[in-house]
N, C-alpha and C. Protein backbone atom coordinates (compact mmCIF):
# COMPACT_ATOMS: atom_id res chain seq x y z
N UNK A 1 -0.28 12.22 2.47
CA UNK A 1 0.37 11.38 3.44
C UNK A 1 0.74 10.06 2.79
N UNK A 2 1.83 9.49 3.28
CA UNK A 2 2.29 8.21 2.75
C UNK A 2 1.83 7.08 3.67
N UNK A 3 1.31 6.02 3.07
CA UNK A 3 0.86 4.85 3.81
C UNK A 3 1.51 3.59 3.25
N UNK A 4 1.87 2.68 4.13
CA UNK A 4 2.29 1.35 3.74
C UNK A 4 1.04 0.47 3.83
N UNK A 5 0.75 -0.24 2.75
CA UNK A 5 -0.39 -1.16 2.72
C UNK A 5 0.15 -2.54 2.39
N UNK A 6 -0.21 -3.50 3.24
CA UNK A 6 0.23 -4.88 3.02
C UNK A 6 -0.94 -5.82 3.27
N UNK A 7 -0.90 -6.96 2.61
CA UNK A 7 -1.96 -7.95 2.78
C UNK A 7 -1.38 -9.35 2.66
N UNK A 8 -1.99 -10.30 3.34
CA UNK A 8 -1.63 -11.72 3.23
C UNK A 8 -2.68 -12.39 2.36
N UNK A 9 -2.22 -13.05 1.32
CA UNK A 9 -3.12 -13.77 0.43
C UNK A 9 -3.16 -15.23 0.86
N UNK A 10 -4.09 -15.55 1.72
CA UNK A 10 -4.15 -16.89 2.28
C UNK A 10 -5.04 -17.84 1.50
N UNK A 11 -5.74 -17.35 0.51
CA UNK A 11 -6.66 -18.19 -0.25
C UNK A 11 -6.18 -18.29 -1.69
N UNK A 12 -5.45 -19.35 -2.04
CA UNK A 12 -4.91 -19.50 -3.41
C UNK A 12 -6.02 -19.45 -4.46
N UNK A 13 -5.67 -18.90 -5.58
CA UNK A 13 -6.60 -18.86 -6.69
C UNK A 13 -7.59 -17.71 -6.67
N UNK A 14 -7.56 -16.88 -5.65
CA UNK A 14 -8.48 -15.74 -5.60
C UNK A 14 -8.02 -14.66 -6.56
N UNK A 15 -8.95 -13.89 -7.03
CA UNK A 15 -8.66 -12.81 -7.97
C UNK A 15 -8.48 -11.51 -7.18
N UNK A 16 -7.27 -11.01 -7.13
CA UNK A 16 -6.99 -9.79 -6.38
C UNK A 16 -6.90 -8.57 -7.29
N UNK A 17 -7.40 -8.70 -8.51
CA UNK A 17 -7.39 -7.58 -9.45
C UNK A 17 -8.15 -6.39 -8.89
N UNK A 18 -9.31 -6.64 -8.29
CA UNK A 18 -10.11 -5.54 -7.73
C UNK A 18 -9.40 -4.88 -6.56
N UNK A 19 -8.73 -5.68 -5.71
CA UNK A 19 -8.02 -5.12 -4.57
C UNK A 19 -6.86 -4.23 -5.03
N UNK A 20 -6.05 -4.73 -5.95
CA UNK A 20 -4.91 -3.93 -6.41
C UNK A 20 -5.38 -2.70 -7.19
N UNK A 21 -6.50 -2.81 -7.90
CA UNK A 21 -7.04 -1.64 -8.60
C UNK A 21 -7.49 -0.58 -7.59
N UNK A 22 -8.11 -1.02 -6.49
CA UNK A 22 -8.56 -0.08 -5.46
C UNK A 22 -7.37 0.57 -4.75
N UNK A 23 -6.32 -0.20 -4.49
CA UNK A 23 -5.11 0.38 -3.90
C UNK A 23 -4.56 1.46 -4.83
N UNK A 24 -4.49 1.15 -6.12
CA UNK A 24 -4.00 2.13 -7.10
C UNK A 24 -4.87 3.37 -7.18
N UNK A 25 -6.16 3.23 -6.89
CA UNK A 25 -7.08 4.37 -6.95
C UNK A 25 -7.00 5.27 -5.71
N UNK A 26 -6.27 4.84 -4.69
CA UNK A 26 -6.16 5.64 -3.46
C UNK A 26 -5.26 6.86 -3.64
N UNK A 27 -4.35 6.80 -4.60
CA UNK A 27 -3.40 7.89 -4.82
C UNK A 27 -2.23 7.38 -5.64
N UNK A 28 -1.18 8.16 -5.70
CA UNK A 28 0.03 7.73 -6.38
C UNK A 28 0.68 6.63 -5.57
N UNK A 29 1.14 5.56 -6.23
CA UNK A 29 1.67 4.45 -5.45
C UNK A 29 2.79 3.71 -6.17
N UNK A 30 3.54 2.99 -5.36
CA UNK A 30 4.57 2.07 -5.86
C UNK A 30 4.41 0.76 -5.10
N UNK A 31 4.91 -0.30 -5.70
CA UNK A 31 4.83 -1.64 -5.11
C UNK A 31 6.26 -2.15 -4.92
N UNK A 32 6.88 -1.85 -3.75
CA UNK A 32 8.28 -2.21 -3.55
C UNK A 32 8.51 -3.69 -3.27
N UNK A 33 7.51 -4.38 -2.75
CA UNK A 33 7.62 -5.81 -2.43
C UNK A 33 6.36 -6.52 -2.91
N UNK A 34 6.38 -7.84 -2.90
CA UNK A 34 5.30 -8.61 -3.51
C UNK A 34 3.90 -8.24 -3.03
N UNK A 35 3.68 -8.11 -1.74
CA UNK A 35 2.35 -7.74 -1.26
C UNK A 35 2.40 -6.48 -0.40
N UNK A 36 3.29 -5.57 -0.76
CA UNK A 36 3.43 -4.29 -0.04
C UNK A 36 3.34 -3.15 -1.05
N UNK A 37 2.54 -2.17 -0.72
CA UNK A 37 2.41 -0.96 -1.52
C UNK A 37 2.73 0.24 -0.63
N UNK A 38 3.28 1.28 -1.22
CA UNK A 38 3.40 2.58 -0.58
C UNK A 38 2.51 3.52 -1.38
N UNK A 39 1.57 4.16 -0.70
CA UNK A 39 0.59 5.01 -1.38
C UNK A 39 0.68 6.42 -0.82
N UNK A 40 0.74 7.39 -1.71
CA UNK A 40 0.68 8.80 -1.35
C UNK A 40 -0.77 9.22 -1.55
N UNK A 41 -1.50 9.46 -0.46
CA UNK A 41 -2.93 9.70 -0.55
C UNK A 41 -3.35 10.86 0.35
N UNK A 42 -4.40 11.53 -0.04
CA UNK A 42 -4.98 12.59 0.79
C UNK A 42 -6.02 12.02 1.76
N UNK A 43 -6.32 10.73 1.63
CA UNK A 43 -7.32 10.08 2.48
C UNK A 43 -6.75 9.75 3.85
N UNK A 44 -7.62 9.62 4.86
CA UNK A 44 -7.15 9.19 6.17
C UNK A 44 -7.17 7.66 6.23
N UNK A 45 -6.53 7.12 7.26
CA UNK A 45 -6.37 5.67 7.35
C UNK A 45 -7.72 4.95 7.48
N UNK A 46 -8.67 5.53 8.18
CA UNK A 46 -9.98 4.90 8.33
C UNK A 46 -10.70 4.77 6.97
N UNK A 47 -10.59 5.80 6.15
CA UNK A 47 -11.21 5.76 4.83
C UNK A 47 -10.53 4.73 3.95
N UNK A 48 -9.21 4.66 4.03
CA UNK A 48 -8.48 3.66 3.24
C UNK A 48 -8.90 2.25 3.63
N UNK A 49 -8.93 1.98 4.93
CA UNK A 49 -9.34 0.65 5.40
C UNK A 49 -10.76 0.33 4.93
N UNK A 50 -11.68 1.27 5.05
CA UNK A 50 -13.07 1.04 4.64
C UNK A 50 -13.16 0.74 3.15
N UNK A 51 -12.43 1.47 2.34
CA UNK A 51 -12.47 1.24 0.88
C UNK A 51 -11.90 -0.12 0.51
N UNK A 52 -10.78 -0.49 1.14
CA UNK A 52 -10.17 -1.78 0.80
C UNK A 52 -11.01 -2.94 1.34
N UNK A 53 -11.57 -2.78 2.51
CA UNK A 53 -12.41 -3.83 3.09
C UNK A 53 -13.67 -4.06 2.26
N UNK A 54 -14.17 -3.02 1.63
CA UNK A 54 -15.38 -3.12 0.80
C UNK A 54 -15.15 -3.94 -0.47
N UNK A 55 -13.90 -4.22 -0.78
CA UNK A 55 -13.57 -4.98 -1.99
C UNK A 55 -13.68 -6.48 -1.74
N UNK A 56 -14.27 -6.89 -0.63
CA UNK A 56 -14.38 -8.31 -0.25
C UNK A 56 -13.04 -8.80 0.27
N UNK A 57 -12.50 -8.08 1.19
CA UNK A 57 -11.19 -8.41 1.77
C UNK A 57 -11.37 -9.40 2.91
N UNK A 58 -11.18 -10.68 2.62
CA UNK A 58 -11.32 -11.70 3.66
C UNK A 58 -9.96 -12.19 4.15
N UNK A 59 -8.89 -11.65 3.61
CA UNK A 59 -7.55 -11.96 4.08
C UNK A 59 -7.13 -10.91 5.10
N UNK A 60 -5.86 -10.91 5.48
CA UNK A 60 -5.36 -9.93 6.44
C UNK A 60 -4.90 -8.66 5.72
N UNK A 61 -5.13 -7.52 6.37
CA UNK A 61 -4.81 -6.23 5.79
C UNK A 61 -4.14 -5.36 6.84
N UNK A 62 -3.09 -4.63 6.43
CA UNK A 62 -2.36 -3.73 7.31
C UNK A 62 -2.16 -2.40 6.60
N UNK A 63 -2.51 -1.30 7.28
CA UNK A 63 -2.28 0.05 6.74
C UNK A 63 -1.58 0.85 7.82
N UNK A 64 -0.40 1.38 7.49
CA UNK A 64 0.41 2.15 8.44
C UNK A 64 0.85 3.45 7.79
N UNK A 65 0.74 4.55 8.52
CA UNK A 65 1.26 5.83 8.02
C UNK A 65 2.78 5.77 8.07
N UNK A 66 3.43 6.15 6.99
CA UNK A 66 4.90 6.13 6.90
C UNK A 66 5.44 7.51 7.23
N UNK A 67 6.35 7.56 8.19
CA UNK A 67 6.99 8.81 8.60
C UNK A 67 8.50 8.63 8.52
N UNK A 68 9.22 9.73 8.66
CA UNK A 68 10.66 9.67 8.79
C UNK A 68 11.00 9.34 10.23
N UNK A 69 12.05 8.65 10.51
CA UNK A 69 12.96 8.04 9.54
C UNK A 69 12.42 6.69 9.06
N UNK A 70 12.83 6.30 7.89
CA UNK A 70 12.54 4.99 7.33
C UNK A 70 13.80 4.54 6.60
N UNK A 71 13.89 3.26 6.32
CA UNK A 71 15.06 2.76 5.60
C UNK A 71 14.66 1.55 4.78
N UNK A 72 15.51 1.20 3.84
CA UNK A 72 15.25 0.03 2.99
C UNK A 72 16.59 -0.59 2.59
N UNK A 73 16.52 -1.84 2.21
CA UNK A 73 17.68 -2.55 1.67
C UNK A 73 17.23 -3.30 0.43
N UNK A 74 17.94 -3.13 -0.64
CA UNK A 74 17.70 -3.90 -1.85
C UNK A 74 16.53 -3.45 -2.71
N UNK A 75 15.93 -2.30 -2.43
CA UNK A 75 14.84 -1.82 -3.26
C UNK A 75 15.38 -1.11 -4.49
N UNK A 76 14.60 -1.11 -5.53
CA UNK A 76 14.92 -0.39 -6.76
C UNK A 76 15.13 1.09 -6.41
N UNK A 77 16.17 1.70 -6.92
CA UNK A 77 16.50 3.09 -6.59
C UNK A 77 15.38 4.05 -6.97
N UNK A 78 14.61 3.75 -8.01
CA UNK A 78 13.49 4.62 -8.39
C UNK A 78 12.44 4.66 -7.29
N UNK A 79 12.20 3.52 -6.65
CA UNK A 79 11.24 3.46 -5.55
C UNK A 79 11.76 4.25 -4.35
N UNK A 80 13.04 4.07 -4.03
CA UNK A 80 13.65 4.79 -2.91
C UNK A 80 13.57 6.29 -3.15
N UNK A 81 13.89 6.74 -4.34
CA UNK A 81 13.84 8.17 -4.67
C UNK A 81 12.42 8.70 -4.54
N UNK A 82 11.45 7.97 -5.04
CA UNK A 82 10.04 8.36 -4.94
C UNK A 82 9.63 8.49 -3.48
N UNK A 83 10.00 7.51 -2.68
CA UNK A 83 9.65 7.54 -1.26
C UNK A 83 10.31 8.71 -0.55
N UNK A 84 11.54 9.02 -0.90
CA UNK A 84 12.22 10.16 -0.30
C UNK A 84 11.48 11.46 -0.60
N UNK A 85 10.83 11.52 -1.73
CA UNK A 85 10.11 12.73 -2.12
C UNK A 85 8.75 12.86 -1.43
N UNK A 86 8.10 11.74 -1.10
CA UNK A 86 6.74 11.84 -0.54
C UNK A 86 6.68 11.69 0.97
N UNK A 87 7.64 11.02 1.58
CA UNK A 87 7.59 10.79 3.02
C UNK A 87 8.22 11.97 3.75
N UNK A 88 7.45 12.55 4.64
CA UNK A 88 7.97 13.69 5.40
C UNK A 88 7.72 13.53 6.87
């Protein structure tokens, strides 16, 4: 399943290396925007939220299942092609 994951980084100077590493560990992913990821994962949304929250997530976090139809403007064509292949 494809999920959109987004977060607000409200605390300057924090190290988000662990958060982005955990997002990458959820499945195959792309980062189409600065704080937005699309992840193709076999995990359910509750498990994803629990794993990301365990990384000391004190900012805001949003996880949404991506379904058709979807659209984009101005994204790299490689990202659009990847999304077309995983979103059903």
